[in-house]
Structures are given as C-alpha cells and as structure tokens.
C-alpha cells in the first residue's frame, strides 16, 4: 500500500511539473534576452541600480560587463535621484505617510559609443503609511519598496533597450 501511495505522489508531481513547464511559467526576474542584451555595460548609476541590473542579467543568462567594448549595449546614466517626502502629518506633528520618488535619465549607446536613443526618463513613485508604533517594521518596509522600485527601473531599462535594438536591426 505504501509503494502505491508513493507512486501516485510521484506521478502527481510529474504531471504538475509538466503542466507548469508547458504553460510557460518562468521564475521572476528571468527574461528571454535578445543577443544584444546578453551583455550590458552600465556607465554611471548607483550601487543599488547596478546590483539590480547584475541580478536580472544573471537570472537571464546575461552579464554586466566591465568594459563598453565587450557590451552589446551601453546604458549611460545621466541623472539618478531617490527622494522621500512627507505626505501627511499626525496631530502630534509626526509623519503619517511618505512618498518615495525615484527618477532616472539614461541614453543607450552601442559598443563604439554611437547614440542609439534619445534621453529616456524613468519616474517611479510609491506611497506608504508610517505606523508610529512599528518603527523597525516601517524601516524594513521602506527598504523593500526601494528595492522594488529599482527592480521596476531595471525592467524598464531592459524593455526600452529591447525596443531600441529591434528598431536598429530593422
């Protein structure tokens, strides 16, 4: 009886894995990159943005290269700014809500330095409630929101780079 139950579990697991792979399921962060995006050189940008691009490329069989000559595309960061501002105050004068604002301007170049795109702006905002009784938890929440904003910026850079590369090939 035990062998039969083990076999049924194994068969169920096998079918589950087949269904998941057949539906096109991918791990978050895993992208199907065109050849020109398999190696990116990042010129400028914060450490958090660099880590985000590096991580995304690693999950997608790409890499962040150390020299522009080795890259399929160069992302040149012109301006990057992360700010936090108070949206509302409590009756004691403490911040109840914050807004996080992230702005990034970049251009895309080829490995020889030829401009492939005009200035590309990215703006992301997030609001969050600041619970006065859970200060440590709110600091962690802000870090998580910032990380998510960087991930969204990286995704936007890659999506726009993909479009630019498709237009260059045509």
N, C-alpha and C. Protein backbone atom coordinates (compact mmCIF):
# COMPACT_ATOMS: atom_id res chain seq x y z
N UNK A 1 0.82 -1.20 0.00
CA UNK A 1 0.00 0.00 0.00
C UNK A 1 0.86 1.26 0.00
N UNK A 2 1.96 1.23 0.76
CA UNK A 2 2.85 2.39 0.85
C UNK A 2 3.51 2.67 -0.50
N UNK A 3 3.88 1.61 -1.22
CA UNK A 3 4.50 1.78 -2.54
C UNK A 3 3.53 2.41 -3.53
N UNK A 4 2.28 2.02 -3.44
CA UNK A 4 1.27 2.57 -4.34
C UNK A 4 1.08 4.06 -4.08
N UNK A 5 1.02 4.45 -2.81
CA UNK A 5 0.86 5.86 -2.47
C UNK A 5 2.06 6.69 -2.93
N UNK A 6 3.26 6.11 -2.77
CA UNK A 6 4.47 6.80 -3.22
C UNK A 6 4.44 6.98 -4.73
N UNK A 7 4.01 5.95 -5.46
CA UNK A 7 3.92 6.05 -6.93
C UNK A 7 2.90 7.10 -7.35
N UNK A 8 1.77 7.14 -6.67
CA UNK A 8 0.73 8.11 -7.01
C UNK A 8 1.26 9.53 -6.77
N UNK A 9 1.96 9.74 -5.66
CA UNK A 9 2.54 11.05 -5.37
C UNK A 9 3.56 11.44 -6.44
N UNK A 10 4.40 10.50 -6.85
CA UNK A 10 5.41 10.77 -7.87
C UNK A 10 4.77 11.10 -9.22
N UNK A 11 3.72 10.37 -9.56
CA UNK A 11 3.04 10.64 -10.83
C UNK A 11 2.37 12.01 -10.78
N UNK A 12 1.74 12.33 -9.66
CA UNK A 12 1.12 13.65 -9.50
C UNK A 12 2.16 14.75 -9.61
N UNK A 13 3.30 14.58 -8.97
CA UNK A 13 4.37 15.56 -9.03
C UNK A 13 4.88 15.73 -10.46
N UNK A 14 5.04 14.62 -11.17
CA UNK A 14 5.49 14.67 -12.56
C UNK A 14 4.52 15.46 -13.43
N UNK A 15 3.22 15.16 -13.30
CA UNK A 15 2.22 15.89 -14.09
C UNK A 15 2.18 17.38 -13.72
N UNK A 16 2.33 17.68 -12.46
CA UNK A 16 2.35 19.09 -12.04
C UNK A 16 3.53 19.82 -12.68
N UNK A 17 4.70 19.21 -12.66
CA UNK A 17 5.87 19.83 -13.27
C UNK A 17 5.71 19.99 -14.78
N UNK A 18 5.11 19.00 -15.43
CA UNK A 18 4.87 19.10 -16.88
C UNK A 18 3.90 20.24 -17.20
N UNK A 19 2.83 20.37 -16.42
CA UNK A 19 1.88 21.46 -16.65
C UNK A 19 2.51 22.82 -16.44
N UNK A 20 3.31 22.95 -15.40
CA UNK A 20 3.96 24.24 -15.12
C UNK A 20 4.92 24.60 -16.25
N UNK A 21 5.70 23.65 -16.72
CA UNK A 21 6.65 23.96 -17.79
C UNK A 21 5.94 24.20 -19.11
N UNK A 22 4.82 23.55 -19.34
CA UNK A 22 4.09 23.72 -20.60
C UNK A 22 3.38 25.06 -20.69
N UNK A 23 3.03 25.64 -19.56
CA UNK A 23 2.29 26.92 -19.59
C UNK A 23 3.22 28.11 -19.76
N UNK A 24 4.53 27.90 -19.79
CA UNK A 24 5.47 29.00 -19.99
C UNK A 24 5.87 29.69 -18.72
N UNK A 25 5.64 29.06 -17.58
CA UNK A 25 5.99 29.65 -16.29
C UNK A 25 7.50 29.89 -16.23
N UNK A 26 7.88 31.08 -15.75
CA UNK A 26 9.28 31.42 -15.55
C UNK A 26 9.44 32.00 -14.17
N UNK A 27 10.62 31.83 -13.60
CA UNK A 27 10.91 32.46 -12.32
C UNK A 27 10.92 33.97 -12.49
N UNK A 28 10.51 34.68 -11.45
CA UNK A 28 10.51 36.13 -11.50
C UNK A 28 11.93 36.63 -11.72
N UNK A 29 12.09 37.57 -12.64
CA UNK A 29 13.41 38.11 -12.92
C UNK A 29 14.07 37.42 -14.10
N UNK A 30 13.53 36.28 -14.52
CA UNK A 30 14.09 35.54 -15.62
C UNK A 30 13.49 36.07 -16.92
N UNK A 31 14.32 36.63 -17.80
CA UNK A 31 13.86 37.21 -19.05
C UNK A 31 14.49 36.50 -20.22
N UNK A 32 13.78 36.49 -21.33
CA UNK A 32 14.34 35.97 -22.57
C UNK A 32 14.98 37.15 -23.29
N UNK A 33 16.30 37.24 -23.17
CA UNK A 33 17.02 38.40 -23.70
C UNK A 33 17.48 38.16 -25.14
N UNK A 34 17.33 39.17 -26.01
CA UNK A 34 17.93 39.06 -27.34
C UNK A 34 19.45 39.12 -27.22
N UNK A 35 20.14 38.73 -28.24
CA UNK A 35 21.60 38.64 -28.19
C UNK A 35 22.27 39.95 -27.80
N UNK A 36 21.74 41.08 -28.28
CA UNK A 36 22.34 42.38 -27.97
C UNK A 36 22.23 42.79 -26.51
N UNK A 37 21.33 42.14 -25.76
CA UNK A 37 21.16 42.47 -24.35
C UNK A 37 21.79 41.45 -23.42
N UNK A 38 22.48 40.46 -23.97
CA UNK A 38 23.12 39.44 -23.13
C UNK A 38 24.32 40.00 -22.38
N UNK A 39 24.87 41.10 -22.89
CA UNK A 39 25.98 41.76 -22.19
C UNK A 39 25.74 43.27 -22.22
N UNK A 40 25.65 43.84 -21.03
CA UNK A 40 25.35 45.26 -20.88
C UNK A 40 26.48 45.91 -20.09
N UNK A 41 26.85 47.11 -20.53
CA UNK A 41 27.79 47.92 -19.77
C UNK A 41 27.00 49.08 -19.18
N UNK A 42 27.12 49.27 -17.87
CA UNK A 42 26.43 50.35 -17.19
C UNK A 42 27.42 51.46 -16.89
N UNK A 43 27.20 52.62 -17.49
CA UNK A 43 28.05 53.79 -17.28
C UNK A 43 27.36 54.72 -16.30
N UNK A 44 27.80 54.71 -15.04
CA UNK A 44 27.18 55.52 -14.00
C UNK A 44 26.12 54.73 -13.25
N UNK A 45 25.38 55.42 -12.43
CA UNK A 45 24.30 54.77 -11.68
C UNK A 45 24.73 54.38 -10.27
N UNK A 46 23.76 54.26 -9.41
CA UNK A 46 24.02 53.91 -8.02
C UNK A 46 24.35 52.43 -7.87
N UNK A 47 24.86 52.09 -6.71
CA UNK A 47 25.18 50.70 -6.42
C UNK A 47 23.94 49.82 -6.44
N UNK A 48 22.80 50.35 -5.96
CA UNK A 48 21.56 49.58 -5.95
C UNK A 48 21.08 49.28 -7.37
N UNK A 49 21.19 50.26 -8.25
CA UNK A 49 20.79 50.05 -9.64
C UNK A 49 21.71 49.04 -10.30
N UNK A 50 23.00 49.17 -10.06
CA UNK A 50 23.99 48.24 -10.62
C UNK A 50 23.70 46.80 -10.15
N UNK A 51 23.41 46.66 -8.85
CA UNK A 51 23.11 45.32 -8.32
C UNK A 51 21.84 44.76 -8.95
N UNK A 52 20.84 45.63 -9.15
CA UNK A 52 19.60 45.19 -9.77
C UNK A 52 19.80 44.70 -11.19
N UNK A 53 20.59 45.42 -11.97
CA UNK A 53 20.86 45.01 -13.35
C UNK A 53 21.68 43.72 -13.36
N UNK A 54 22.67 43.65 -12.51
CA UNK A 54 23.53 42.46 -12.43
C UNK A 54 22.70 41.21 -12.09
N UNK A 55 21.82 41.35 -11.12
CA UNK A 55 20.98 40.24 -10.68
C UNK A 55 20.03 39.80 -11.79
N UNK A 56 19.37 40.76 -12.43
CA UNK A 56 18.44 40.44 -13.51
C UNK A 56 19.15 39.75 -14.66
N UNK A 57 20.31 40.25 -15.03
CA UNK A 57 21.06 39.63 -16.12
C UNK A 57 21.54 38.23 -15.75
N UNK A 58 21.96 38.05 -14.51
CA UNK A 58 22.44 36.73 -14.08
C UNK A 58 21.31 35.70 -14.19
N UNK A 59 20.09 36.06 -13.80
CA UNK A 59 18.94 35.15 -13.88
C UNK A 59 18.54 34.89 -15.32
N UNK A 60 18.95 35.75 -16.23
CA UNK A 60 18.53 35.64 -17.63
C UNK A 60 19.68 35.23 -18.55
N UNK A 61 20.71 34.63 -18.00
CA UNK A 61 21.88 34.17 -18.77
C UNK A 61 22.59 35.32 -19.49
N UNK A 62 22.61 36.47 -18.87
CA UNK A 62 23.34 37.60 -19.39
C UNK A 62 24.37 38.03 -18.36
N UNK A 63 25.09 39.12 -18.66
CA UNK A 63 26.07 39.59 -17.68
C UNK A 63 26.30 41.09 -17.84
N UNK A 64 26.70 41.68 -16.73
CA UNK A 64 27.10 43.08 -16.69
C UNK A 64 28.61 43.08 -16.91
N UNK A 65 29.05 43.66 -18.02
CA UNK A 65 30.47 43.61 -18.37
C UNK A 65 31.21 44.83 -17.83
N UNK A 66 32.55 44.70 -17.75
CA UNK A 66 33.38 45.75 -17.16
C UNK A 66 33.86 46.79 -18.16
N UNK A 67 33.78 46.47 -19.47
CA UNK A 67 34.24 47.41 -20.50
C UNK A 67 33.16 47.59 -21.55
N UNK A 68 33.00 48.82 -22.02
CA UNK A 68 31.98 49.12 -23.02
C UNK A 68 32.21 48.35 -24.31
N UNK A 69 33.49 48.08 -24.63
CA UNK A 69 33.80 47.36 -25.87
C UNK A 69 33.26 45.93 -25.87
N UNK A 70 33.06 45.35 -24.68
CA UNK A 70 32.58 43.97 -24.57
C UNK A 70 31.06 43.88 -24.55
N UNK A 71 30.37 45.01 -24.59
CA UNK A 71 28.92 45.03 -24.40
C UNK A 71 28.17 45.01 -25.73
N UNK A 72 26.98 44.44 -25.69
CA UNK A 72 26.06 44.53 -26.82
C UNK A 72 25.38 45.88 -26.83
N UNK A 73 25.19 46.45 -25.63
CA UNK A 73 24.59 47.78 -25.50
C UNK A 73 25.14 48.45 -24.24
N UNK A 74 25.27 49.77 -24.31
CA UNK A 74 25.76 50.56 -23.18
C UNK A 74 24.61 51.42 -22.66
N UNK A 75 24.38 51.33 -21.36
CA UNK A 75 23.36 52.15 -20.70
C UNK A 75 24.11 53.25 -19.95
N UNK A 76 23.97 54.48 -20.42
CA UNK A 76 24.66 55.60 -19.79
C UNK A 76 23.66 56.37 -18.93
N UNK A 77 23.90 56.35 -17.62
CA UNK A 77 23.02 57.04 -16.68
C UNK A 77 23.42 58.51 -16.64
N UNK A 78 22.49 59.37 -17.00
CA UNK A 78 22.75 60.81 -16.99
C UNK A 78 22.41 61.42 -15.63
N UNK A 79 21.31 60.95 -15.03
CA UNK A 79 20.88 61.50 -13.75
C UNK A 79 20.08 60.44 -13.01
N UNK A 80 20.32 60.35 -11.71
CA UNK A 80 19.57 59.40 -10.88
C UNK A 80 19.30 60.07 -9.53
N UNK A 81 18.06 59.98 -9.08
CA UNK A 81 17.68 60.66 -7.84
C UNK A 81 16.60 59.87 -7.12
N UNK A 82 16.84 59.56 -5.83
CA UNK A 82 15.84 58.91 -4.98
C UNK A 82 15.55 59.86 -3.83
N UNK A 83 14.26 60.19 -3.63
CA UNK A 83 13.88 61.12 -2.57
C UNK A 83 12.70 60.57 -1.78
N UNK A 84 12.62 61.02 -0.55
CA UNK A 84 11.49 60.69 0.30
C UNK A 84 10.90 62.00 0.82
N UNK A 85 9.58 62.13 0.74
CA UNK A 85 8.95 63.34 1.27
C UNK A 85 7.73 62.95 2.08
N UNK A 86 7.41 63.80 3.04
CA UNK A 86 6.26 63.59 3.91
C UNK A 86 5.00 64.01 3.16
N UNK A 87 3.99 63.15 3.19
CA UNK A 87 2.71 63.47 2.55
C UNK A 87 1.71 64.00 3.57
N UNK A 88 1.66 63.35 4.75
CA UNK A 88 0.72 63.81 5.77
C UNK A 88 1.33 63.67 7.16
N UNK A 89 0.82 64.50 8.08
CA UNK A 89 1.31 64.51 9.46
C UNK A 89 0.19 64.12 10.41
N UNK A 90 0.59 63.54 11.54
CA UNK A 90 -0.38 63.22 12.60
C UNK A 90 -0.67 64.49 13.39
N UNK A 91 -1.59 64.39 14.37
CA UNK A 91 -1.90 65.57 15.17
C UNK A 91 -0.77 65.94 16.13
N UNK A 92 0.23 65.04 16.29
CA UNK A 92 1.41 65.35 17.10
C UNK A 92 2.57 65.87 16.26
N UNK A 93 2.37 65.99 14.96
CA UNK A 93 3.41 66.53 14.09
C UNK A 93 4.35 65.48 13.52
N UNK A 94 4.07 64.20 13.72
CA UNK A 94 4.91 63.13 13.14
C UNK A 94 4.37 62.72 11.78
N UNK A 95 5.26 62.21 10.95
CA UNK A 95 4.87 61.82 9.60
C UNK A 95 3.99 60.57 9.63
N UNK A 96 2.82 60.67 9.01
CA UNK A 96 1.91 59.53 8.87
C UNK A 96 2.15 58.78 7.57
N UNK A 97 2.42 59.53 6.50
CA UNK A 97 2.61 58.94 5.19
C UNK A 97 3.84 59.56 4.52
N UNK A 98 4.53 58.70 3.78
CA UNK A 98 5.67 59.14 3.00
C UNK A 98 5.44 58.79 1.53
N UNK A 99 6.09 59.57 0.68
CA UNK A 99 6.15 59.25 -0.74
C UNK A 99 7.62 59.05 -1.10
N UNK A 100 7.91 57.95 -1.77
CA UNK A 100 9.24 57.71 -2.31
C UNK A 100 9.18 58.05 -3.80
N UNK A 101 10.15 58.82 -4.26
CA UNK A 101 10.20 59.27 -5.65
C UNK A 101 11.56 58.90 -6.22
N UNK A 102 11.54 58.18 -7.33
CA UNK A 102 12.79 57.77 -7.99
C UNK A 102 12.75 58.25 -9.43
N UNK A 103 13.78 58.99 -9.82
CA UNK A 103 13.89 59.49 -11.20
C UNK A 103 15.23 59.08 -11.76
N UNK A 104 15.18 58.63 -12.99
CA UNK A 104 16.37 58.15 -13.68
C UNK A 104 16.30 58.60 -15.13
N UNK A 105 17.39 59.19 -15.62
CA UNK A 105 17.51 59.56 -17.04
C UNK A 105 18.69 58.79 -17.62
N UNK A 106 18.48 58.14 -18.77
CA UNK A 106 19.56 57.39 -19.39
C UNK A 106 19.47 57.47 -20.90
N UNK A 107 20.60 57.21 -21.55
CA UNK A 107 20.62 57.06 -23.01
C UNK A 107 21.26 55.71 -23.31
N UNK A 108 20.98 55.21 -24.48
CA UNK A 108 21.54 53.93 -24.92
C UNK A 108 22.54 54.16 -26.03
N UNK A 109 23.67 53.50 -25.91
CA UNK A 109 24.75 53.61 -26.89
C UNK A 109 25.15 52.21 -27.35
N UNK A 110 25.77 52.13 -28.52
CA UNK A 110 26.35 50.84 -28.91
C UNK A 110 27.77 50.75 -28.33
N UNK A 111 28.46 49.65 -28.59
CA UNK A 111 29.79 49.42 -28.01
C UNK A 111 30.82 50.45 -28.46
N UNK A 112 30.61 51.08 -29.63
CA UNK A 112 31.54 52.09 -30.14
C UNK A 112 31.19 53.49 -29.64
N UNK A 113 30.11 53.64 -28.89
CA UNK A 113 29.72 54.94 -28.37
C UNK A 113 28.72 55.70 -29.22
N UNK A 114 28.20 55.06 -30.28
CA UNK A 114 27.20 55.70 -31.13
C UNK A 114 25.85 55.70 -30.41
N UNK A 115 25.19 56.86 -30.39
CA UNK A 115 23.93 57.02 -29.69
C UNK A 115 22.82 56.23 -30.41
N UNK A 116 22.14 55.36 -29.64
CA UNK A 116 21.04 54.57 -30.18
C UNK A 116 19.67 55.13 -29.80
N UNK A 117 19.63 55.97 -28.76
CA UNK A 117 18.36 56.54 -28.32
C UNK A 117 18.57 57.94 -27.78
N UNK A 118 17.49 58.67 -27.74
CA UNK A 118 17.50 59.96 -27.06
C UNK A 118 17.42 59.72 -25.56
N UNK A 119 17.42 60.78 -24.80
CA UNK A 119 17.33 60.68 -23.35
C UNK A 119 16.02 59.99 -22.96
N UNK A 120 16.13 58.95 -22.15
CA UNK A 120 14.98 58.17 -21.71
C UNK A 120 14.72 58.43 -20.23
N UNK A 121 13.59 59.08 -19.88
CA UNK A 121 13.29 59.31 -18.46
C UNK A 121 12.50 58.15 -17.87
N UNK A 122 12.77 57.85 -16.61
CA UNK A 122 12.00 56.86 -15.84
C UNK A 122 11.64 57.53 -14.52
N UNK A 123 10.36 57.55 -14.19
CA UNK A 123 9.91 58.12 -12.92
C UNK A 123 9.00 57.11 -12.24
N UNK A 124 9.30 56.81 -10.96
CA UNK A 124 8.52 55.85 -10.19
C UNK A 124 8.22 56.48 -8.84
N UNK A 125 6.97 56.41 -8.41
CA UNK A 125 6.60 56.90 -7.08
C UNK A 125 5.83 55.82 -6.34
N UNK A 126 6.03 55.79 -5.04
CA UNK A 126 5.31 54.88 -4.15
C UNK A 126 4.98 55.62 -2.86
N UNK A 127 3.80 55.38 -2.34
CA UNK A 127 3.39 55.94 -1.05
C UNK A 127 3.31 54.80 -0.04
N UNK A 128 3.59 55.11 1.21
CA UNK A 128 3.38 54.12 2.26
C UNK A 128 3.05 54.80 3.58
N UNK A 129 2.29 54.08 4.39
CA UNK A 129 1.84 54.57 5.68
C UNK A 129 2.93 54.32 6.71
N UNK A 130 3.19 55.29 7.56
CA UNK A 130 4.22 55.21 8.59
C UNK A 130 3.56 54.99 9.95
N UNK A 131 3.49 53.73 10.39
CA UNK A 131 2.91 53.39 11.69
C UNK A 131 3.89 53.81 12.78
N UNK A 132 3.48 54.74 13.64
CA UNK A 132 4.36 55.27 14.68
C UNK A 132 4.74 54.23 15.74
N UNK A 133 3.97 53.15 15.84
CA UNK A 133 4.25 52.14 16.85
C UNK A 133 5.11 51.00 16.33
N UNK A 134 5.39 50.96 15.05
CA UNK A 134 6.19 49.88 14.48
C UNK A 134 7.31 50.48 13.62
N UNK A 135 8.20 51.21 14.25
CA UNK A 135 9.25 51.95 13.55
C UNK A 135 10.19 51.01 12.80
N UNK A 136 10.65 49.92 13.44
CA UNK A 136 11.58 49.00 12.79
C UNK A 136 10.94 48.34 11.57
N UNK A 137 9.68 47.95 11.71
CA UNK A 137 8.98 47.34 10.58
C UNK A 137 8.82 48.29 9.42
N UNK A 138 8.59 49.55 9.71
CA UNK A 138 8.43 50.54 8.65
C UNK A 138 9.74 50.83 7.93
N UNK A 139 10.86 50.79 8.67
CA UNK A 139 12.16 50.96 8.02
C UNK A 139 12.40 49.81 7.05
N UNK A 140 12.05 48.59 7.45
CA UNK A 140 12.18 47.44 6.56
C UNK A 140 11.24 47.57 5.36
N UNK A 141 10.03 48.06 5.60
CA UNK A 141 9.08 48.24 4.51
C UNK A 141 9.63 49.23 3.48
N UNK A 142 10.24 50.31 3.96
CA UNK A 142 10.80 51.29 3.03
C UNK A 142 11.92 50.67 2.20
N UNK A 143 12.77 49.87 2.81
CA UNK A 143 13.84 49.20 2.06
C UNK A 143 13.27 48.27 1.00
N UNK A 144 12.23 47.55 1.34
CA UNK A 144 11.60 46.64 0.38
C UNK A 144 10.99 47.43 -0.77
N UNK A 145 10.33 48.53 -0.46
CA UNK A 145 9.73 49.37 -1.51
C UNK A 145 10.81 49.94 -2.42
N UNK A 146 11.92 50.39 -1.83
CA UNK A 146 13.03 50.92 -2.65
C UNK A 146 13.59 49.83 -3.57
N UNK A 147 13.78 48.63 -3.05
CA UNK A 147 14.28 47.53 -3.88
C UNK A 147 13.34 47.24 -5.03
N UNK A 148 12.04 47.27 -4.75
CA UNK A 148 11.06 47.03 -5.80
C UNK A 148 11.09 48.13 -6.85
N UNK A 149 11.33 49.37 -6.42
CA UNK A 149 11.43 50.48 -7.36
C UNK A 149 12.64 50.32 -8.27
N UNK A 150 13.76 49.88 -7.70
CA UNK A 150 14.95 49.62 -8.52
C UNK A 150 14.69 48.48 -9.50
N UNK A 151 14.00 47.43 -9.06
CA UNK A 151 13.67 46.32 -9.98
C UNK A 151 12.80 46.82 -11.13
N UNK A 152 11.83 47.68 -10.81
CA UNK A 152 10.98 48.22 -11.87
C UNK A 152 11.79 49.08 -12.83
N UNK A 153 12.72 49.86 -12.32
CA UNK A 153 13.57 50.69 -13.19
C UNK A 153 14.42 49.81 -14.10
N UNK A 154 14.99 48.74 -13.54
CA UNK A 154 15.80 47.81 -14.35
C UNK A 154 14.94 47.20 -15.45
N UNK A 155 13.74 46.77 -15.09
CA UNK A 155 12.83 46.18 -16.09
C UNK A 155 12.52 47.18 -17.19
N UNK A 156 12.30 48.45 -16.82
CA UNK A 156 12.03 49.49 -17.81
C UNK A 156 13.23 49.71 -18.73
N UNK A 157 14.42 49.74 -18.16
CA UNK A 157 15.64 49.91 -18.97
C UNK A 157 15.77 48.77 -19.97
N UNK A 158 15.56 47.55 -19.51
CA UNK A 158 15.71 46.39 -20.40
C UNK A 158 14.62 46.40 -21.47
N UNK A 159 13.39 46.72 -21.10
CA UNK A 159 12.31 46.76 -22.09
C UNK A 159 12.57 47.82 -23.16
N UNK A 160 13.02 48.99 -22.74
CA UNK A 160 13.30 50.06 -23.71
C UNK A 160 14.51 49.71 -24.57
N UNK A 161 15.49 49.06 -23.97
CA UNK A 161 16.67 48.63 -24.74
C UNK A 161 16.27 47.61 -25.80
N UNK A 162 15.38 46.70 -25.42
CA UNK A 162 14.89 45.69 -26.37
C UNK A 162 14.23 46.36 -27.58
N UNK A 163 13.39 47.36 -27.33
CA UNK A 163 12.71 48.08 -28.40
C UNK A 163 13.71 48.80 -29.29
N UNK A 164 14.69 49.46 -28.68
CA UNK A 164 15.71 50.18 -29.45
C UNK A 164 16.50 49.21 -30.32
N UNK A 165 16.90 48.07 -29.76
CA UNK A 165 17.66 47.09 -30.54
C UNK A 165 16.83 46.53 -31.69
N UNK A 166 15.55 46.29 -31.46
CA UNK A 166 14.68 45.79 -32.55
C UNK A 166 14.58 46.80 -33.67
N UNK A 167 14.51 48.10 -33.33
CA UNK A 167 14.43 49.14 -34.34
C UNK A 167 15.75 49.32 -35.10
N UNK A 168 16.88 49.08 -34.42
CA UNK A 168 18.19 49.18 -35.07
C UNK A 168 18.36 48.05 -36.09
N UNK A 169 17.87 46.87 -35.76
CA UNK A 169 18.03 45.71 -36.64
C UNK A 169 17.19 45.88 -37.89
N UNK A 170 16.03 46.53 -37.79
CA UNK A 170 15.14 46.70 -38.96
C UNK A 170 15.67 47.64 -39.97
